[in-house]
N, C-alpha and C. Protein backbone atom coordinates (compact mmCIF):
# COMPACT_ATOMS: atom_id res chain seq x y z
N MET A 1 -3.49 6.42 13.11
CA MET A 1 -3.78 6.54 11.91
C MET A 1 -5.07 7.33 11.27
N ARG A 2 -5.05 7.91 10.15
CA ARG A 2 -6.46 8.43 9.74
C ARG A 2 -7.60 7.44 9.24
N LYS A 3 -8.70 7.84 9.67
CA LYS A 3 -9.91 6.87 8.89
C LYS A 3 -10.11 7.24 7.42
N SER A 4 -10.09 6.22 6.59
CA SER A 4 -10.64 6.30 5.41
C SER A 4 -12.12 6.64 5.38
N ARG A 5 -12.47 7.27 4.48
CA ARG A 5 -13.58 7.75 4.46
C ARG A 5 -14.55 6.51 3.33
N PHE A 6 -14.07 5.89 2.89
CA PHE A 6 -14.53 4.45 2.46
C PHE A 6 -14.54 3.44 3.12
N THR A 7 -15.49 2.49 3.33
CA THR A 7 -15.85 1.23 3.85
C THR A 7 -14.83 0.25 3.27
N GLU A 8 -14.33 -0.70 3.98
CA GLU A 8 -13.72 -1.84 3.39
C GLU A 8 -14.85 -2.01 2.03
N ALA A 9 -16.08 -2.65 2.30
CA ALA A 9 -17.05 -2.81 0.99
C ALA A 9 -17.04 -2.09 0.01
N GLN A 10 -16.41 -0.99 0.01
CA GLN A 10 -16.51 0.12 -1.35
C GLN A 10 -15.39 0.06 -1.77
N ILE A 11 -14.55 0.06 -0.62
CA ILE A 11 -12.92 -0.20 -1.76
C ILE A 11 -13.12 -1.50 -2.30
N ILE A 12 -13.47 -2.57 -1.64
CA ILE A 12 -13.53 -3.79 -2.44
C ILE A 12 -14.32 -3.57 -3.95
N GLY A 13 -15.23 -2.96 -3.53
CA GLY A 13 -16.06 -3.10 -5.18
C GLY A 13 -15.49 -2.08 -6.02
N MET A 14 -14.81 -1.12 -5.58
CA MET A 14 -14.01 0.02 -6.60
C MET A 14 -13.07 -0.86 -7.49
N ILE A 15 -12.42 -2.05 -6.71
CA ILE A 15 -11.54 -2.71 -7.00
C ILE A 15 -12.16 -3.73 -7.85
N LYS A 16 -13.37 -4.12 -7.90
CA LYS A 16 -13.87 -5.47 -8.62
C LYS A 16 -14.42 -4.35 -9.74
N GLU A 17 -14.86 -3.30 -9.71
CA GLU A 17 -15.14 -2.44 -11.05
C GLU A 17 -13.55 -2.16 -11.91
N GLN A 18 -12.70 -2.19 -11.41
CA GLN A 18 -11.71 -2.20 -12.26
C GLN A 18 -11.26 -3.11 -12.85
N GLU A 19 -11.09 -4.27 -12.04
CA GLU A 19 -11.17 -5.57 -12.67
C GLU A 19 -11.81 -6.17 -13.43
N ALA A 20 -13.19 -5.50 -13.48
CA ALA A 20 -14.12 -5.81 -14.60
C ALA A 20 -14.02 -5.42 -16.11
N GLY A 21 -13.01 -4.79 -16.11
CA GLY A 21 -12.83 -3.49 -17.10
C GLY A 21 -13.12 -2.43 -17.25
N MET A 22 -13.31 -1.52 -16.35
CA MET A 22 -13.43 -0.30 -16.21
C MET A 22 -11.78 0.83 -16.00
N PRO A 23 -11.50 1.22 -16.62
CA PRO A 23 -10.32 2.05 -16.67
C PRO A 23 -10.08 2.78 -15.19
N THR A 24 -8.82 2.59 -14.61
CA THR A 24 -8.42 3.10 -13.78
C THR A 24 -8.78 4.48 -13.10
N ALA A 25 -8.35 5.15 -14.38
CA ALA A 25 -8.82 6.47 -14.03
C ALA A 25 -10.10 6.76 -14.01
N GLU A 26 -11.14 5.96 -14.55
CA GLU A 26 -12.64 6.24 -14.36
C GLU A 26 -12.90 5.74 -13.32
N VAL A 27 -12.53 4.52 -12.63
CA VAL A 27 -12.92 4.21 -11.49
C VAL A 27 -12.66 5.56 -10.21
N CYS A 28 -11.34 6.02 -10.26
CA CYS A 28 -10.96 7.02 -9.76
C CYS A 28 -11.74 8.16 -9.66
N ARG A 29 -12.10 8.83 -11.05
CA ARG A 29 -12.84 9.90 -11.05
C ARG A 29 -13.95 9.90 -10.16
N LYS A 30 -14.58 8.63 -10.61
CA LYS A 30 -16.06 8.32 -10.44
C LYS A 30 -16.25 8.28 -8.69
N HIS A 31 -15.44 8.01 -7.79
CA HIS A 31 -15.38 7.87 -6.53
C HIS A 31 -14.29 9.06 -5.79
N GLY A 32 -13.49 9.85 -6.84
CA GLY A 32 -13.31 10.82 -6.24
C GLY A 32 -11.79 10.61 -4.74
N LEU A 33 -11.08 9.66 -5.97
CA LEU A 33 -9.58 9.42 -5.26
C LEU A 33 -8.69 9.43 -6.47
N SER A 34 -7.26 9.48 -5.91
CA SER A 34 -6.33 9.66 -6.52
C SER A 34 -5.67 8.31 -6.55
N GLN A 35 -5.28 7.99 -8.48
CA GLN A 35 -4.65 6.74 -8.46
C GLN A 35 -3.54 5.87 -7.28
N GLY A 36 -3.17 6.89 -6.90
CA GLY A 36 -1.87 6.42 -5.82
C GLY A 36 -3.04 5.74 -4.62
N THR A 37 -3.72 6.56 -4.41
CA THR A 37 -4.70 6.20 -3.34
C THR A 37 -5.44 4.36 -3.75
N PHE A 38 -6.14 4.55 -4.77
CA PHE A 38 -6.55 3.33 -5.43
C PHE A 38 -5.59 2.32 -5.48
N TYR A 39 -4.13 2.12 -5.76
CA TYR A 39 -3.45 1.23 -6.20
C TYR A 39 -2.99 0.72 -4.44
N LYS A 40 -2.86 1.80 -3.72
CA LYS A 40 -2.34 1.28 -2.04
C LYS A 40 -3.58 0.32 -1.55
N PHE A 41 -5.18 1.05 -2.12
CA PHE A 41 -6.22 0.31 -1.36
C PHE A 41 -5.82 -1.24 -2.38
N LYS A 42 -5.65 -1.26 -3.84
CA LYS A 42 -5.73 -2.64 -4.31
C LYS A 42 -4.33 -3.50 -3.47
N SER A 43 -3.32 -2.73 -3.19
CA SER A 43 -2.10 -3.61 -2.59
C SER A 43 -3.03 -4.18 -1.59
N LYS A 44 -3.97 -3.55 -0.67
CA LYS A 44 -4.21 -4.31 0.67
C LYS A 44 -5.01 -4.84 0.63
N TYR A 45 -6.50 -4.69 -0.19
CA TYR A 45 -7.68 -5.37 -0.27
C TYR A 45 -7.64 -6.03 -1.77
N GLY A 46 -6.89 -6.27 -2.45
CA GLY A 46 -7.00 -6.90 -3.95
C GLY A 46 -7.15 -8.35 -3.32
N GLY A 47 -8.03 -8.82 -4.11
CA GLY A 47 -8.48 -10.09 -3.83
C GLY A 47 -9.16 -10.80 -2.76
N MET A 48 -9.49 -9.94 -2.37
CA MET A 48 -10.61 -9.95 -0.91
C MET A 48 -11.75 -9.95 -1.29
N GLU A 49 -12.81 -10.42 -0.67
CA GLU A 49 -14.01 -10.77 -0.52
C GLU A 49 -14.42 -9.95 0.93
N VAL A 50 -15.73 -9.13 1.09
CA VAL A 50 -16.27 -8.36 2.22
C VAL A 50 -15.83 -9.07 3.26
N SER A 51 -15.83 -10.50 3.38
CA SER A 51 -15.72 -10.96 4.67
C SER A 51 -14.34 -11.61 5.29
N ASP A 52 -13.48 -11.39 3.97
CA ASP A 52 -11.67 -11.24 4.43
C ASP A 52 -11.57 -10.25 4.94
N ALA A 53 -12.28 -8.85 4.37
CA ALA A 53 -11.66 -7.62 5.05
C ALA A 53 -12.38 -7.56 6.19
N ALA A 54 -12.90 -7.98 6.99
CA ALA A 54 -13.61 -8.34 8.41
C ALA A 54 -12.66 -8.92 9.19
N LYS A 55 -12.75 -10.30 8.60
CA LYS A 55 -11.33 -10.59 9.15
C LYS A 55 -10.15 -10.00 9.38
N LEU A 56 -9.79 -9.39 8.35
CA LEU A 56 -8.39 -8.95 8.49
C LEU A 56 -8.66 -7.48 9.29
N LYS A 57 -9.46 -7.05 9.68
CA LYS A 57 -9.51 -5.58 10.65
C LYS A 57 -9.61 -6.53 11.95
N ALA A 58 -10.34 -7.27 11.91
CA ALA A 58 -10.53 -8.31 13.35
C ALA A 58 -9.09 -8.39 13.93
N LEU A 59 -8.02 -9.29 12.91
CA LEU A 59 -6.56 -9.23 13.38
C LEU A 59 -5.99 -8.14 13.94
N GLU A 60 -6.08 -7.17 12.77
CA GLU A 60 -4.89 -5.91 13.20
C GLU A 60 -5.45 -5.37 14.82
N ASP A 61 -6.72 -5.27 14.48
CA ASP A 61 -6.91 -5.02 15.91
C ASP A 61 -6.76 -5.52 17.36
N GLU A 62 -6.75 -6.96 17.09
CA GLU A 62 -6.46 -7.94 18.04
C GLU A 62 -4.73 -7.72 18.30
N ASN A 63 -3.99 -7.73 17.06
CA ASN A 63 -2.60 -7.44 16.98
C ASN A 63 -2.47 -6.20 17.90
N ALA A 64 -2.57 -4.95 17.45
CA ALA A 64 -2.38 -3.94 18.21
C ALA A 64 -2.71 -4.19 19.88
N LYS A 65 -3.45 -4.67 20.31
CA LYS A 65 -3.88 -4.94 21.76
C LYS A 65 -2.69 -5.62 22.31
N LEU A 66 -2.47 -6.97 21.67
CA LEU A 66 -1.27 -7.37 22.03
C LEU A 66 -0.30 -6.70 21.64
N LYS A 67 -0.18 -6.14 21.14
CA LYS A 67 1.52 -5.35 20.95
C LYS A 67 1.65 -4.02 22.69
N ARG A 68 0.16 -3.71 22.73
CA ARG A 68 0.12 -2.76 23.84
C ARG A 68 0.34 -3.58 25.05
N LEU A 69 -0.28 -4.58 25.11
CA LEU A 69 0.07 -5.42 26.50
C LEU A 69 1.81 -5.75 26.60
N LEU A 70 1.73 -6.37 25.47
CA LEU A 70 3.31 -6.65 25.91
C LEU A 70 4.04 -5.46 26.10
N ALA A 71 3.86 -4.39 25.81
CA ALA A 71 4.64 -3.38 25.78
C ALA A 71 4.73 -2.70 27.37
N ASP A 72 3.01 -3.07 27.86
CA ASP A 72 3.38 -2.67 29.21
C ASP A 72 3.96 -3.67 30.12
N GLN A 73 3.75 -4.68 29.83
CA GLN A 73 4.62 -5.99 30.58
C GLN A 73 6.34 -5.56 30.47
N MET A 74 6.92 -5.28 29.28
CA MET A 74 7.97 -5.08 29.34
C MET A 74 8.67 -3.64 30.34
N LEU A 75 7.47 -2.58 30.56
CA LEU A 75 8.06 -1.73 30.78
C LEU A 75 7.73 -2.07 32.71
N ASP A 76 6.71 -3.12 33.22
CA ASP A 76 6.40 -3.29 34.21
C ASP A 76 7.67 -3.96 34.91
N ASN A 77 8.51 -4.83 33.79
CA ASN A 77 9.82 -5.50 33.74
C ASN A 77 10.87 -4.43 34.22
N VAL A 78 11.18 -3.66 33.48
CA VAL A 78 12.16 -2.73 33.39
C VAL A 78 12.08 -1.90 34.97
N VAL A 79 10.84 -1.70 35.23
CA VAL A 79 10.73 -0.68 36.82
C VAL A 79 11.35 -2.24 37.92
N LEU A 80 10.66 -3.03 37.92
CA LEU A 80 10.64 -3.99 38.70
C LEU A 80 12.52 -4.10 39.01
N LYS A 81 12.91 -4.61 38.04
CA LYS A 81 14.42 -4.76 37.99
C LYS A 81 14.72 -3.52 38.27
N ASP A 82 14.72 -2.39 38.22
CA ASP A 82 15.44 -0.98 38.66
C ASP A 82 14.89 -1.04 40.40
N LEU A 83 13.48 -1.08 40.90
CA LEU A 83 13.51 -1.14 42.03
C LEU A 83 14.44 -2.10 43.09
N LEU A 84 14.72 -3.32 42.20
CA LEU A 84 15.25 -4.43 42.85
C LEU A 84 16.73 -4.27 42.77
N GLY A 85 17.23 -3.44 42.09
CA GLY A 85 18.67 -3.09 41.88
C GLY A 85 19.14 -1.93 42.81
N LYS A 86 18.36 -1.30 43.12
CA LYS A 86 18.60 -0.02 44.04
C LYS A 86 18.78 -0.20 45.61
N SER A 87 17.95 -1.51 45.79
CA SER A 87 17.93 -1.80 47.15
C SER A 87 19.22 -2.70 47.65
């Protein structure tokens, strides 16, 4: 996945500007992003604080690691079954 050029803190700051009353178009123009991107960020980070975003990132990283471990384990099981079946 492509890395965002904005940090979680910057994204949350943009959302808070919009929630404070600044028009969405002006927030997007000020920070140089499209409205579609802004609303995508808002759906992911809306209602969060910076600490919550850090926790979310840590959980996403841990989930990805666990998925890789599970895939490796399943592959090992398939290889072992194939070896035992050919004997």
